[in-house]
Amino acid sequence: MLAVARAICEPRALILIDEPSKGLAPSIIQNLVTAFSELKRQKTTILLVGRTS
């Protein structure tokens, strides 16, 4: 969570994220989705790697 927070706080054009929701509580995941939506609104490119079960 700390690495994601640091990436969000500092302005960047591109953020690479590997399985950001792994091990997080559902309520925190929703906050993460909201933060990613805000980054998208600010024209930040997000490359997100997820895993399907």
Protein backbone atom coordinates (compact mmCIF):
# COMPACT_ATOMS: atom_id res chain seq x y z
CA MET A 1 0.00 0.00 0.00
CA LEU A 2 2.85 2.37 0.74
CA ALA A 3 4.37 1.95 -2.72
CA VAL A 4 1.00 2.69 -4.36
CA ALA A 5 0.53 5.76 -2.17
CA ARG A 6 3.96 7.09 -3.10
CA ALA A 7 3.26 6.56 -6.80
CA ILE A 8 -0.04 8.41 -6.52
CA CYS A 9 1.35 11.36 -4.53
CA GLU A 10 4.20 12.21 -6.90
CA PRO A 11 3.19 13.44 -10.36
CA ARG A 12 3.99 10.86 -13.03
CA ALA A 13 3.01 10.30 -16.64
CA LEU A 14 3.09 6.50 -16.30
CA ILE A 15 2.47 4.18 -13.37
CA LEU A 16 3.19 0.43 -13.57
CA ILE A 17 1.23 -1.59 -11.02
CA ASP A 18 1.44 -5.34 -10.39
CA GLU A 19 -1.57 -6.87 -8.59
CA PRO A 20 -2.40 -3.80 -6.46
CA SER A 21 -5.33 -5.42 -4.65
CA LYS A 22 -3.53 -8.57 -3.53
CA GLY A 23 -3.95 -9.00 0.22
CA LEU A 24 -6.06 -5.86 0.74
CA ALA A 25 -9.42 -5.61 2.48
CA PRO A 26 -12.41 -4.98 0.15
CA SER A 27 -13.00 -1.50 1.58
CA ILE A 28 -9.42 -0.51 0.83
CA ILE A 29 -9.70 -1.91 -2.69
CA GLN A 30 -12.60 0.44 -3.36
CA ASN A 31 -10.44 3.38 -2.23
CA LEU A 32 -7.71 2.17 -4.57
CA VAL A 33 -10.13 2.05 -7.50
CA THR A 34 -11.23 5.60 -6.67
CA ALA A 35 -7.59 6.76 -6.60
CA PHE A 36 -6.92 5.11 -9.98
CA SER A 37 -9.99 6.84 -11.41
CA GLU A 38 -8.62 10.18 -10.21
CA LEU A 39 -5.26 9.45 -11.83
CA LYS A 40 -7.04 8.63 -15.08
CA ARG A 41 -8.88 11.94 -14.87
CA GLN A 42 -5.51 13.66 -14.52
CA LYS A 43 -4.32 11.95 -17.74
CA THR A 44 -1.91 9.54 -16.02
CA THR A 45 -1.31 6.31 -17.92
CA ILE A 46 -1.70 3.21 -15.73
CA LEU A 47 -0.37 -0.20 -16.77
CA LEU A 48 -2.05 -2.61 -14.40
CA VAL A 49 -1.16 -6.31 -14.19
CA GLY A 50 -3.78 -8.49 -12.56
CA ARG A 51 -4.26 -12.17 -12.02
CA THR A 52 -7.42 -14.11 -12.69
CA SER A 53 -8.24 -17.22 -10.74
